[in-house]
Amino acid sequence: MPYMARRSLTVPDVSQRREKGLLARVFGWTGLVVGAIAVVWFFRGRPEFGGWAERLQFFVEKVTSDRVTVAFSTDLVLFGIFQAVLIGAVEPVGSAVRWLRFVPFWGLAIWLVI
């Protein structure tokens, strides 16, 4: 938190744009691969647990009754908000990829790759 407070006091220099390094691209590709596997697993993995409608119904039941699931879901929402704020602070206003900050997780992964 102190880093974020100090960072809010400095004005970013939009004329000096830095390219993302190899580590950022590796994190981006890793995020895309892990996210794609998670989506495929949701729809295709373990068919004995039912189709996607039953899985979605189970998820909704867990969110409404389990405290740990509520905590993780809240973390995901907060991550999406922080992602929008932090990428917005780094990416200049006229940038063509600035809209990616509003797509949770996937937008960050694509932004890191580009």
PDB file of N, CA and C in Angstrom:
ATOM      1  N   MET A   1       0.792  -1.188   0.000  1.00  0.00           N
ATOM      2  CA  MET A   1       0.000   0.000   0.000  1.00  0.00           C
ATOM      3  C   MET A   1       0.847   1.271   0.000  1.00  0.00           C
ATOM      4  N   PRO A   2       1.955   1.325   0.761  1.00  0.00           N
ATOM      5  CA  PRO A   2       2.765   2.542   0.703  1.00  0.00           C
ATOM      6  C   PRO A   2       3.315   2.809  -0.710  1.00  0.00           C
ATOM      7  N   TYR A   3       3.650   1.732  -1.422  1.00  0.00           N
ATOM      8  CA  TYR A   3       4.140   1.917  -2.789  1.00  0.00           C
ATOM      9  C   TYR A   3       3.053   2.537  -3.658  1.00  0.00           C
ATOM     10  N   MET A   4       1.826   2.057  -3.538  1.00  0.00           N
ATOM     11  CA  MET A   4       0.744   2.598  -4.354  1.00  0.00           C
ATOM     12  C   MET A   4       0.447   4.042  -3.975  1.00  0.00           C
ATOM     13  N   ALA A   5       0.537   4.387  -2.689  1.00  0.00           N
ATOM     14  CA  ALA A   5       0.308   5.763  -2.264  1.00  0.00           C
ATOM     15  C   ALA A   5       1.398   6.680  -2.812  1.00  0.00           C
ATOM     16  N   ARG A   6       2.632   6.229  -2.745  1.00  0.00           N
ATOM     17  CA  ARG A   6       3.726   7.042  -3.277  1.00  0.00           C
ATOM     18  C   ARG A   6       3.627   7.175  -4.788  1.00  0.00           C
ATOM     19  N   ARG A   7       3.226   6.115  -5.443  1.00  0.00           N
ATOM     20  CA  ARG A   7       3.099   6.130  -6.899  1.00  0.00           C
ATOM     21  C   ARG A   7       2.017   7.108  -7.349  1.00  0.00           C
ATOM     22  N   SER A   8       0.962   7.251  -6.541  1.00  0.00           N
ATOM     23  CA  SER A   8      -0.117   8.156  -6.928  1.00  0.00           C
ATOM     24  C   SER A   8       0.336   9.621  -6.901  1.00  0.00           C
ATOM     25  N   LEU A   9       1.416   9.916  -6.192  1.00  0.00           N
ATOM     26  CA  LEU A   9       1.917  11.286  -6.129  1.00  0.00           C
ATOM     27  C   LEU A   9       2.770  11.664  -7.329  1.00  0.00           C
ATOM     28  N   THR A  10       3.298  10.675  -8.054  1.00  0.00           N
ATOM     29  CA  THR A  10       4.145  10.966  -9.202  1.00  0.00           C
ATOM     30  C   THR A  10       3.309  10.978 -10.480  1.00  0.00           C
ATOM     31  N   VAL A  11       3.639  11.889 -11.353  1.00  0.00           N
ATOM     32  CA  VAL A  11       2.946  12.009 -12.640  1.00  0.00           C
ATOM     33  C   VAL A  11       3.719  11.190 -13.664  1.00  0.00           C
ATOM     34  N   PRO A  12       3.058  10.218 -14.345  1.00  0.00           N
ATOM     35  CA  PRO A  12       3.780   9.397 -15.318  1.00  0.00           C
ATOM     36  C   PRO A  12       4.158  10.210 -16.553  1.00  0.00           C
ATOM     37  N   ASP A  13       5.329   9.904 -17.092  1.00  0.00           N
ATOM     38  CA  ASP A  13       5.814  10.553 -18.307  1.00  0.00           C
ATOM     39  C   ASP A  13       5.341   9.737 -19.505  1.00  0.00           C
ATOM     40  N   VAL A  14       4.322  10.240 -20.217  1.00  0.00           N
ATOM     41  CA  VAL A  14       3.746   9.481 -21.333  1.00  0.00           C
ATOM     42  C   VAL A  14       4.631   9.524 -22.573  1.00  0.00           C
ATOM     43  N   SER A  15       5.563  10.466 -22.634  1.00  0.00           N
ATOM     44  CA  SER A  15       6.438  10.536 -23.805  1.00  0.00           C
ATOM     45  C   SER A  15       7.493   9.439 -23.784  1.00  0.00           C
ATOM     46  N   GLN A  16       7.789   8.905 -22.622  1.00  0.00           N
ATOM     47  CA  GLN A  16       8.798   7.862 -22.493  1.00  0.00           C
ATOM     48  C   GLN A  16       8.114   6.515 -22.293  1.00  0.00           C
ATOM     49  N   ARG A  17       7.871   5.821 -23.378  1.00  0.00           N
ATOM     50  CA  ARG A  17       7.190   4.523 -23.318  1.00  0.00           C
ATOM     51  C   ARG A  17       8.245   3.421 -23.340  1.00  0.00           C
ATOM     52  N   ARG A  18       8.147   2.515 -22.364  1.00  0.00           N
ATOM     53  CA  ARG A  18       9.095   1.403 -22.286  1.00  0.00           C
ATOM     54  C   ARG A  18       8.467   0.162 -22.869  1.00  0.00           C
ATOM     55  N   GLU A  19       9.273  -0.628 -23.532  1.00  0.00           N
ATOM     56  CA  GLU A  19       8.810  -1.910 -24.057  1.00  0.00           C
ATOM     57  C   GLU A  19       8.790  -2.940 -22.949  1.00  0.00           C
ATOM     58  N   LYS A  20       7.867  -3.861 -23.051  1.00  0.00           N
ATOM     59  CA  LYS A  20       7.793  -4.932 -22.052  1.00  0.00           C
ATOM     60  C   LYS A  20       8.908  -5.932 -22.315  1.00  0.00           C
ATOM     61  N   GLY A  21       9.438  -6.479 -21.261  1.00  0.00           N
ATOM     62  CA  GLY A  21      10.539  -7.418 -21.379  1.00  0.00           C
ATOM     63  C   GLY A  21      10.064  -8.843 -21.579  1.00  0.00           C
ATOM     64  N   LEU A  22      11.021  -9.734 -21.631  1.00  0.00           N
ATOM     65  CA  LEU A  22      10.739 -11.154 -21.837  1.00  0.00           C
ATOM     66  C   LEU A  22       9.917 -11.736 -20.699  1.00  0.00           C
ATOM     67  N   LEU A  23      10.207 -11.329 -19.470  1.00  0.00           N
ATOM     68  CA  LEU A  23       9.478 -11.855 -18.323  1.00  0.00           C
ATOM     69  C   LEU A  23       7.991 -11.512 -18.390  1.00  0.00           C
ATOM     70  N   ALA A  24       7.674 -10.292 -18.811  1.00  0.00           N
ATOM     71  CA  ALA A  24       6.269  -9.900 -18.941  1.00  0.00           C
ATOM     72  C   ALA A  24       5.571 -10.748 -19.992  1.00  0.00           C
ATOM     73  N   ARG A  25       6.239 -10.987 -21.102  1.00  0.00           N
ATOM     74  CA  ARG A  25       5.632 -11.812 -22.165  1.00  0.00           C
ATOM     75  C   ARG A  25       5.457 -13.264 -21.718  1.00  0.00           C
ATOM     76  N   VAL A  26       6.421 -13.783 -20.974  1.00  0.00           N
ATOM     77  CA  VAL A  26       6.302 -15.153 -20.454  1.00  0.00           C
ATOM     78  C   VAL A  26       5.119 -15.253 -19.496  1.00  0.00           C
ATOM     79  N   PHE A  27       4.979 -14.260 -18.596  1.00  0.00           N
ATOM     80  CA  PHE A  27       3.831 -14.252 -17.688  1.00  0.00           C
ATOM     81  C   PHE A  27       2.519 -14.154 -18.463  1.00  0.00           C
ATOM     82  N   GLY A  28       2.503 -13.336 -19.502  1.00  0.00           N
ATOM     83  CA  GLY A  28       1.290 -13.197 -20.308  1.00  0.00           C
ATOM     84  C   GLY A  28       0.901 -14.500 -20.994  1.00  0.00           C
ATOM     85  N   TRP A  29       1.858 -15.150 -21.647  1.00  0.00           N
ATOM     86  CA  TRP A  29       1.567 -16.419 -22.314  1.00  0.00           C
ATOM     87  C   TRP A  29       1.180 -17.496 -21.306  1.00  0.00           C
ATOM     88  N   THR A  30       1.844 -17.506 -20.164  1.00  0.00           N
ATOM     89  CA  THR A  30       1.491 -18.486 -19.131  1.00  0.00           C
ATOM     90  C   THR A  30       0.057 -18.261 -18.650  1.00  0.00           C
ATOM     91  N   GLY A  31      -0.311 -17.012 -18.438  1.00  0.00           N
ATOM     92  CA  GLY A  31      -1.676 -16.699 -18.033  1.00  0.00           C
ATOM     93  C   GLY A  31      -2.695 -17.104 -19.078  1.00  0.00           C
ATOM     94  N   LEU A  32      -2.382 -16.868 -20.349  1.00  0.00           N
ATOM     95  CA  LEU A  32      -3.308 -17.274 -21.411  1.00  0.00           C
ATOM     96  C   LEU A  32      -3.471 -18.788 -21.466  1.00  0.00           C
ATOM     97  N   VAL A  33      -2.379 -19.522 -21.341  1.00  0.00           N
ATOM     98  CA  VAL A  33      -2.450 -20.984 -21.385  1.00  0.00           C
ATOM     99  C   VAL A  33      -3.222 -21.529 -20.177  1.00  0.00           C
ATOM    100  N   VAL A  34      -2.908 -21.037 -18.983  1.00  0.00           N
ATOM    101  CA  VAL A  34      -3.599 -21.509 -17.778  1.00  0.00           C
ATOM    102  C   VAL A  34      -5.086 -21.146 -17.841  1.00  0.00           C
ATOM    103  N   GLY A  35      -5.406 -19.949 -18.286  1.00  0.00           N
ATOM    104  CA  GLY A  35      -6.799 -19.541 -18.416  1.00  0.00           C
ATOM    105  C   GLY A  35      -7.557 -20.373 -19.435  1.00  0.00           C
ATOM    106  N   ALA A  36      -6.904 -20.670 -20.563  1.00  0.00           N
ATOM    107  CA  ALA A  36      -7.557 -21.504 -21.582  1.00  0.00           C
ATOM    108  C   ALA A  36      -7.799 -22.921 -21.058  1.00  0.00           C
ATOM    109  N   ILE A  37      -6.835 -23.469 -20.339  1.00  0.00           N
ATOM    110  CA  ILE A  37      -7.010 -24.810 -19.764  1.00  0.00           C
ATOM    111  C   ILE A  37      -8.164 -24.801 -18.758  1.00  0.00           C
ATOM    112  N   ALA A  38      -8.274 -23.753 -17.962  1.00  0.00           N
ATOM    113  CA  ALA A  38      -9.358 -23.665 -16.972  1.00  0.00           C
ATOM    114  C   ALA A  38     -10.720 -23.607 -17.657  1.00  0.00           C
ATOM    115  N   VAL A  39     -10.828 -22.849 -18.738  1.00  0.00           N
ATOM    116  CA  VAL A  39     -12.108 -22.755 -19.448  1.00  0.00           C
ATOM    117  C   VAL A  39     -12.449 -24.086 -20.102  1.00  0.00           C
ATOM    118  N   VAL A  40     -11.469 -24.725 -20.741  1.00  0.00           N
ATOM    119  CA  VAL A  40     -11.715 -26.031 -21.364  1.00  0.00           C
ATOM    120  C   VAL A  40     -12.089 -27.054 -20.295  1.00  0.00           C
ATOM    121  N   TRP A  41     -11.418 -27.013 -19.153  1.00  0.00           N
ATOM    122  CA  TRP A  41     -11.722 -27.960 -18.076  1.00  0.00           C
ATOM    123  C   TRP A  41     -13.139 -27.748 -17.545  1.00  0.00           C
ATOM    124  N   PHE A  42     -13.580 -26.501 -17.486  1.00  0.00           N
ATOM    125  CA  PHE A  42     -14.937 -26.218 -17.023  1.00  0.00           C
ATOM    126  C   PHE A  42     -15.969 -26.880 -17.929  1.00  0.00           C
ATOM    127  N   PHE A  43     -15.739 -26.818 -19.236  1.00  0.00           N
ATOM    128  CA  PHE A  43     -16.723 -27.352 -20.178  1.00  0.00           C
ATOM    129  C   PHE A  43     -16.544 -28.836 -20.474  1.00  0.00           C
ATOM    130  N   ARG A  44     -15.288 -29.346 -20.447  1.00  0.00           N
ATOM    131  CA  ARG A  44     -15.048 -30.708 -20.917  1.00  0.00           C
ATOM    132  C   ARG A  44     -14.517 -31.670 -19.858  1.00  0.00           C
ATOM    133  N   GLY A  45     -13.910 -31.186 -18.809  1.00  0.00           N
ATOM    134  CA  GLY A  45     -13.265 -32.058 -17.834  1.00  0.00           C
ATOM    135  C   GLY A  45     -14.267 -32.745 -16.913  1.00  0.00           C
ATOM    136  N   ARG A  46     -13.997 -33.974 -16.605  1.00  0.00           N
ATOM    137  CA  ARG A  46     -14.797 -34.772 -15.686  1.00  0.00           C
ATOM    138  C   ARG A  46     -16.285 -34.759 -16.054  1.00  0.00           C
ATOM    139  N   PRO A  47     -16.653 -35.356 -17.170  1.00  0.00           N
ATOM    140  CA  PRO A  47     -18.054 -35.331 -17.607  1.00  0.00           C
ATOM    141  C   PRO A  47     -19.008 -36.060 -16.663  1.00  0.00           C
ATOM    142  N   GLU A  48     -18.494 -36.895 -15.774  1.00  0.00           N
ATOM    143  CA  GLU A  48     -19.385 -37.597 -14.839  1.00  0.00           C
ATOM    144  C   GLU A  48     -20.017 -36.651 -13.815  1.00  0.00           C
ATOM    145  N   PHE A  49     -19.516 -35.412 -13.723  1.00  0.00           N
ATOM    146  CA  PHE A  49     -20.105 -34.445 -12.802  1.00  0.00           C
ATOM    147  C   PHE A  49     -21.217 -33.626 -13.455  1.00  0.00           C
ATOM    148  N   GLY A  50     -21.590 -33.957 -14.666  1.00  0.00           N
ATOM    149  CA  GLY A  50     -22.688 -33.266 -15.341  1.00  0.00           C
ATOM    150  C   GLY A  50     -22.193 -32.285 -16.376  1.00  0.00           C
ATOM    151  N   GLY A  51     -23.150 -31.709 -17.078  1.00  0.00           N
ATOM    152  CA  GLY A  51     -22.836 -30.732 -18.112  1.00  0.00           C
ATOM    153  C   GLY A  51     -22.532 -29.366 -17.527  1.00  0.00           C
ATOM    154  N   TRP A  52     -22.362 -28.394 -18.406  1.00  0.00           N
ATOM    155  CA  TRP A  52     -21.972 -27.067 -17.937  1.00  0.00           C
ATOM    156  C   TRP A  52     -23.088 -26.408 -17.146  1.00  0.00           C
ATOM    157  N   ALA A  53     -24.353 -26.743 -17.420  1.00  0.00           N
ATOM    158  CA  ALA A  53     -25.459 -26.152 -16.660  1.00  0.00           C
ATOM    159  C   ALA A  53     -25.427 -26.619 -15.203  1.00  0.00           C
ATOM    160  N   GLU A  54     -25.166 -27.910 -15.003  1.00  0.00           N
ATOM    161  CA  GLU A  54     -25.076 -28.419 -13.639  1.00  0.00           C
ATOM    162  C   GLU A  54     -23.866 -27.838 -12.907  1.00  0.00           C
ATOM    163  N   ARG A  55     -22.779 -27.680 -13.619  1.00  0.00           N
ATOM    164  CA  ARG A  55     -21.576 -27.110 -13.007  1.00  0.00           C
ATOM    165  C   ARG A  55     -21.804 -25.648 -12.603  1.00  0.00           C
ATOM    166  N   LEU A  56     -22.471 -24.913 -13.468  1.00  0.00           N
ATOM    167  CA  LEU A  56     -22.765 -23.522 -13.158  1.00  0.00           C
ATOM    168  C   LEU A  56     -23.720 -23.422 -11.969  1.00  0.00           C
ATOM    169  N   GLN A  57     -24.713 -24.307 -11.913  1.00  0.00           N
ATOM    170  CA  GLN A  57     -25.638 -24.336 -10.790  1.00  0.00           C
ATOM    171  C   GLN A  57     -24.885 -24.666  -9.489  1.00  0.00           C
ATOM    172  N   PHE A  58     -23.955 -25.619  -9.558  1.00  0.00           N
ATOM    173  CA  PHE A  58     -23.148 -25.961  -8.379  1.00  0.00           C
ATOM    174  C   PHE A  58     -22.314 -24.769  -7.930  1.00  0.00           C
ATOM    175  N   PHE A  59     -21.727 -24.047  -8.895  1.00  0.00           N
ATOM    176  CA  PHE A  59     -20.926 -22.875  -8.554  1.00  0.00           C
ATOM    177  C   PHE A  59     -21.778 -21.808  -7.866  1.00  0.00           C
ATOM    178  N   VAL A  60     -22.963 -21.567  -8.379  1.00  0.00           N
ATOM    179  CA  VAL A  60     -23.845 -20.572  -7.769  1.00  0.00           C
ATOM    180  C   VAL A  60     -24.224 -20.994  -6.350  1.00  0.00           C
ATOM    181  N   GLU A  61     -24.493 -22.276  -6.149  1.00  0.00           N
ATOM    182  CA  GLU A  61     -24.799 -22.764  -4.803  1.00  0.00           C
ATOM    183  C   GLU A  61     -23.613 -22.578  -3.863  1.00  0.00           C
ATOM    184  N   LYS A  62     -22.398 -22.847  -4.361  1.00  0.00           N
ATOM    185  CA  LYS A  62     -21.202 -22.670  -3.527  1.00  0.00           C
ATOM    186  C   LYS A  62     -20.986 -21.199  -3.166  1.00  0.00           C
ATOM    187  N   VAL A  63     -21.214 -20.307  -4.133  1.00  0.00           N
ATOM    188  CA  VAL A  63     -21.012 -18.881  -3.871  1.00  0.00           C
ATOM    189  C   VAL A  63     -22.010 -18.377  -2.830  1.00  0.00           C
ATOM    190  N   THR A  64     -23.203 -18.915  -2.848  1.00  0.00           N
ATOM    191  CA  THR A  64     -24.216 -18.436  -1.910  1.00  0.00           C
ATOM    192  C   THR A  64     -24.121 -19.085  -0.539  1.00  0.00           C
ATOM    193  N   SER A  65     -23.329 -20.155  -0.392  1.00  0.00           N
ATOM    194  CA  SER A  65     -23.326 -20.843   0.901  1.00  0.00           C
ATOM    195  C   SER A  65     -21.945 -21.023   1.536  1.00  0.00           C
ATOM    196  N   ASP A  66     -20.876 -21.006   0.771  1.00  0.00           N
ATOM    197  CA  ASP A  66     -19.545 -21.310   1.288  1.00  0.00           C
ATOM    198  C   ASP A  66     -18.725 -20.030   1.437  1.00  0.00           C
ATOM    199  N   ARG A  67     -18.202 -19.789   2.635  1.00  0.00           N
ATOM    200  CA  ARG A  67     -17.449 -18.565   2.903  1.00  0.00           C
ATOM    201  C   ARG A  67     -16.144 -18.488   2.110  1.00  0.00           C
ATOM    202  N   VAL A  68     -15.481 -19.611   1.918  1.00  0.00           N
ATOM    203  CA  VAL A  68     -14.216 -19.602   1.180  1.00  0.00           C
ATOM    204  C   VAL A  68     -14.457 -19.251  -0.288  1.00  0.00           C
ATOM    205  N   THR A  69     -15.514 -19.799  -0.864  1.00  0.00           N
ATOM    206  CA  THR A  69     -15.845 -19.484  -2.253  1.00  0.00           C
ATOM    207  C   THR A  69     -16.214 -18.014  -2.392  1.00  0.00           C
ATOM    208  N   VAL A  70     -16.930 -17.476  -1.431  1.00  0.00           N
ATOM    209  CA  VAL A  70     -17.268 -16.053  -1.444  1.00  0.00           C
ATOM    210  C   VAL A  70     -15.996 -15.211  -1.358  1.00  0.00           C
ATOM    211  N   ALA A  71     -15.051 -15.626  -0.528  1.00  0.00           N
ATOM    212  CA  ALA A  71     -13.800 -14.878  -0.389  1.00  0.00           C
ATOM    213  C   ALA A  71     -13.006 -14.880  -1.694  1.00  0.00           C
ATOM    214  N   PHE A  72     -12.905 -16.035  -2.340  1.00  0.00           N
ATOM    215  CA  PHE A  72     -12.180 -16.092  -3.611  1.00  0.00           C
ATOM    216  C   PHE A  72     -12.902 -15.299  -4.699  1.00  0.00           C
ATOM    217  N   SER A  73     -14.212 -15.357  -4.708  1.00  0.00           N
ATOM    218  CA  SER A  73     -14.976 -14.580  -5.694  1.00  0.00           C
ATOM    219  C   SER A  73     -14.797 -13.084  -5.463  1.00  0.00           C
ATOM    220  N   THR A  74     -14.770 -12.678  -4.213  1.00  0.00           N
ATOM    221  CA  THR A  74     -14.525 -11.270  -3.887  1.00  0.00           C
ATOM    222  C   THR A  74     -13.122 -10.859  -4.324  1.00  0.00           C
ATOM    223  N   ASP A  75     -12.151 -11.730  -4.120  1.00  0.00           N
ATOM    224  CA  ASP A  75     -10.786 -11.446  -4.576  1.00  0.00           C
ATOM    225  C   ASP A  75     -10.743 -11.251  -6.089  1.00  0.00           C
ATOM    226  N   LEU A  76     -11.483 -12.060  -6.820  1.00  0.00           N
ATOM    227  CA  LEU A  76     -11.508 -11.918  -8.280  1.00  0.00           C
ATOM    228  C   LEU A  76     -12.101 -10.574  -8.699  1.00  0.00           C
ATOM    229  N   VAL A  77     -13.150 -10.147  -8.028  1.00  0.00           N
ATOM    230  CA  VAL A  77     -13.756  -8.847  -8.343  1.00  0.00           C
ATOM    231  C   VAL A  77     -12.779  -7.721  -8.017  1.00  0.00           C
ATOM    232  N   LEU A  78     -12.127  -7.792  -6.855  1.00  0.00           N
ATOM    233  CA  LEU A  78     -11.142  -6.765  -6.488  1.00  0.00           C
ATOM    234  C   LEU A  78      -9.955  -6.764  -7.441  1.00  0.00           C
ATOM    235  N   PHE A  79      -9.536  -7.950  -7.901  1.00  0.00           N
ATOM    236  CA  PHE A  79      -8.451  -8.034  -8.879  1.00  0.00           C
ATOM    237  C   PHE A  79      -8.842  -7.313 -10.157  1.00  0.00           C
ATOM    238  N   GLY A  80     -10.087  -7.498 -10.601  1.00  0.00           N
ATOM    239  CA  GLY A  80     -10.541  -6.809 -11.809  1.00  0.00           C
ATOM    240  C   GLY A  80     -10.522  -5.302 -11.657  1.00  0.00           C
ATOM    241  N   ILE A  81     -10.908  -4.819 -10.480  1.00  0.00           N
ATOM    242  CA  ILE A  81     -10.890  -3.369 -10.228  1.00  0.00           C
ATOM    243  C   ILE A  81      -9.457  -2.854 -10.195  1.00  0.00           C
ATOM    244  N   PHE A  82      -8.573  -3.548  -9.469  1.00  0.00           N
ATOM    245  CA  PHE A  82      -7.171  -3.124  -9.403  1.00  0.00           C
ATOM    246  C   PHE A  82      -6.520  -3.175 -10.781  1.00  0.00           C
ATOM    247  N   GLN A  83      -6.862  -4.186 -11.576  1.00  0.00           N
ATOM    248  CA  GLN A  83      -6.297  -4.293 -12.921  1.00  0.00           C
ATOM    249  C   GLN A  83      -6.685  -3.075 -13.750  1.00  0.00           C
ATOM    250  N   ALA A  84      -7.948  -2.669 -13.681  1.00  0.00           N
ATOM    251  CA  ALA A  84      -8.398  -1.503 -14.445  1.00  0.00           C
ATOM    252  C   ALA A  84      -7.672  -0.238 -14.003  1.00  0.00           C
ATOM    253  N   VAL A  85      -7.468  -0.086 -12.715  1.00  0.00           N
ATOM    254  CA  VAL A  85      -6.808   1.118 -12.206  1.00  0.00           C
ATOM    255  C   VAL A  85      -5.324   1.115 -12.561  1.00  0.00           C
ATOM    256  N   LEU A  86      -4.644  -0.004 -12.312  1.00  0.00           N
ATOM    257  CA  LEU A  86      -3.191  -0.028 -12.495  1.00  0.00           C
ATOM    258  C   LEU A  86      -2.777  -0.006 -13.963  1.00  0.00           C
ATOM    259  N   ILE A  87      -3.475  -0.744 -14.820  1.00  0.00           N
ATOM    260  CA  ILE A  87      -3.134  -0.672 -16.245  1.00  0.00           C
ATOM    261  C   ILE A  87      -3.480   0.711 -16.783  1.00  0.00           C
ATOM    262  N   GLY A  88      -4.565   1.300 -16.279  1.00  0.00           N
ATOM    263  CA  GLY A  88      -4.909   2.658 -16.689  1.00  0.00           C
ATOM    264  C   GLY A  88      -3.856   3.670 -16.301  1.00  0.00           C
ATOM    265  N   ALA A  89      -3.141   3.422 -15.214  1.00  0.00           N
ATOM    266  CA  ALA A  89      -2.076   4.335 -14.793  1.00  0.00           C
ATOM    267  C   ALA A  89      -0.825   4.177 -15.645  1.00  0.00           C
ATOM    268  N   VAL A  90      -0.636   3.010 -16.225  1.00  0.00           N
ATOM    269  CA  VAL A  90       0.569   2.746 -17.019  1.00  0.00           C
ATOM    270  C   VAL A  90       0.345   3.051 -18.493  1.00  0.00           C
ATOM    271  N   GLU A  91      -0.803   2.677 -18.999  1.00  0.00           N
ATOM    272  CA  GLU A  91      -1.095   2.823 -20.429  1.00  0.00           C
ATOM    273  C   GLU A  91      -1.610   4.235 -20.704  1.00  0.00           C
ATOM    274  N   PRO A  92      -1.042   4.946 -21.698  1.00  0.00           N
ATOM    275  CA  PRO A  92      -1.476   6.318 -21.976  1.00  0.00           C
ATOM    276  C   PRO A  92      -2.931   6.369 -22.462  1.00  0.00           C
ATOM    277  N   VAL A  93      -3.538   7.544 -22.324  1.00  0.00           N
ATOM    278  CA  VAL A  93      -4.961   7.707 -22.616  1.00  0.00           C
ATOM    279  C   VAL A  93      -5.291   7.402 -24.072  1.00  0.00           C
ATOM    280  N   GLY A  94      -4.485   7.747 -25.012  1.00  0.00           N
ATOM    281  CA  GLY A  94      -4.797   7.535 -26.422  1.00  0.00           C
ATOM    282  C   GLY A  94      -4.388   6.177 -26.968  1.00  0.00           C
ATOM    283  N   SER A  95      -3.980   5.263 -26.119  1.00  0.00           N
ATOM    284  CA  SER A  95      -3.465   3.971 -26.555  1.00  0.00           C
ATOM    285  C   SER A  95      -4.574   3.095 -27.126  1.00  0.00           C
ATOM    286  N   ALA A  96      -4.216   2.294 -28.122  1.00  0.00           N
ATOM    287  CA  ALA A  96      -5.186   1.398 -28.766  1.00  0.00           C
ATOM    288  C   ALA A  96      -5.522   0.189 -27.910  1.00  0.00           C
ATOM    289  N   VAL A  97      -4.675  -0.150 -26.945  1.00  0.00           N
ATOM    290  CA  VAL A  97      -4.916  -1.333 -26.109  1.00  0.00           C
ATOM    291  C   VAL A  97      -5.364  -0.959 -24.697  1.00  0.00           C
ATOM    292  N   ARG A  98      -5.706   0.284 -24.474  1.00  0.00           N
ATOM    293  CA  ARG A  98      -6.121   0.725 -23.139  1.00  0.00           C
ATOM    294  C   ARG A  98      -7.412   0.039 -22.688  1.00  0.00           C
ATOM    295  N   TRP A  99      -8.260  -0.352 -23.619  1.00  0.00           N
ATOM    296  CA  TRP A  99      -9.532  -0.998 -23.274  1.00  0.00           C
ATOM    297  C   TRP A  99      -9.331  -2.369 -22.639  1.00  0.00           C
ATOM    298  N   LEU A 100      -8.164  -2.985 -22.829  1.00  0.00           N
ATOM    299  CA  LEU A 100      -7.911  -4.309 -22.243  1.00  0.00           C
ATOM    300  C   LEU A 100      -7.936  -4.289 -20.726  1.00  0.00           C
ATOM    301  N   ARG A 101      -7.782  -3.128 -20.126  1.00  0.00           N
ATOM    302  CA  ARG A 101      -7.785  -3.055 -18.665  1.00  0.00           C
ATOM    303  C   ARG A 101      -9.143  -3.398 -18.070  1.00  0.00           C
ATOM    304  N   PHE A 102     -10.204  -3.336 -18.866  1.00  0.00           N
ATOM    305  CA  PHE A 102     -11.546  -3.635 -18.372  1.00  0.00           C
ATOM    306  C   PHE A 102     -11.944  -5.098 -18.567  1.00  0.00           C
ATOM    307  N   VAL A 103     -11.059  -5.923 -19.107  1.00  0.00           N
ATOM    308  CA  VAL A 103     -11.330  -7.353 -19.285  1.00  0.00           C
ATOM    309  C   VAL A 103     -10.519  -8.092 -18.226  1.00  0.00           C
ATOM    310  N   PRO A 104     -11.158  -8.529 -17.136  1.00  0.00           N
ATOM    311  CA  PRO A 104     -10.400  -9.145 -16.048  1.00  0.00           C
ATOM    312  C   PRO A 104      -9.628 -10.383 -16.498  1.00  0.00           C
ATOM    313  N   PHE A 105      -8.436 -10.528 -16.021  1.00  0.00           N
ATOM    314  CA  PHE A 105      -7.501 -11.623 -16.254  1.00  0.00           C
ATOM    315  C   PHE A 105      -7.063 -11.715 -17.705  1.00  0.00           C
ATOM    316  N   TRP A 106      -7.991 -11.944 -18.617  1.00  0.00           N
ATOM    317  CA  TRP A 106      -7.652 -12.104 -20.029  1.00  0.00           C
ATOM    318  C   TRP A 106      -7.049 -10.822 -20.595  1.00  0.00           C
ATOM    319  N   GLY A 107      -7.596  -9.684 -20.213  1.00  0.00           N
ATOM    320  CA  GLY A 107      -7.058  -8.411 -20.684  1.00  0.00           C
ATOM    321  C   GLY A 107      -5.638  -8.180 -20.208  1.00  0.00           C
ATOM    322  N   LEU A 108      -5.367  -8.544 -18.960  1.00  0.00           N
ATOM    323  CA  LEU A 108      -4.011  -8.408 -18.431  1.00  0.00           C
ATOM    324  C   LEU A 108      -3.048  -9.324 -19.159  1.00  0.00           C
ATOM    325  N   ALA A 109      -3.456 -10.564 -19.397  1.00  0.00           N
ATOM    326  CA  ALA A 109      -2.575 -11.512 -20.088  1.00  0.00           C
ATOM    327  C   ALA A 109      -2.286 -11.040 -21.510  1.00  0.00           C
ATOM    328  N   ILE A 110      -3.303 -10.592 -22.218  1.00  0.00           N
ATOM    329  CA  ILE A 110      -3.091 -10.096 -23.588  1.00  0.00           C
ATOM    330  C   ILE A 110      -2.253  -8.836 -23.572  1.00  0.00           C
ATOM    331  N   TRP A 111      -2.494  -7.949 -22.604  1.00  0.00           N
ATOM    332  CA  TRP A 111      -1.725  -6.712 -22.502  1.00  0.00           C
ATOM    333  C   TRP A 111      -0.244  -7.014 -22.250  1.00  0.00           C
ATOM    334  N   LEU A 112       0.040  -8.034 -21.452  1.00  0.00           N
ATOM    335  CA  LEU A 112       1.431  -8.402 -21.195  1.00  0.00           C
ATOM    336  C   LEU A 112       2.100  -8.971 -22.447  1.00  0.00           C
ATOM    337  N   VAL A 113       1.358  -9.675 -23.263  1.00  0.00           N
ATOM    338  CA  VAL A 113       1.927 -10.273 -24.466  1.00  0.00           C
ATOM    339  C   VAL A 113       2.187  -9.222 -25.539  1.00  0.00           C
ATOM    340  N   ILE A 114       1.269  -8.264 -25.684  1.00  0.00           N
ATOM    341  CA  ILE A 114       1.385  -7.250 -26.753  1.00  0.00           C
ATOM    342  C   ILE A 114       2.517  -6.288 -26.463  1.00  0.00           C
TER     343      ILE A 114
END
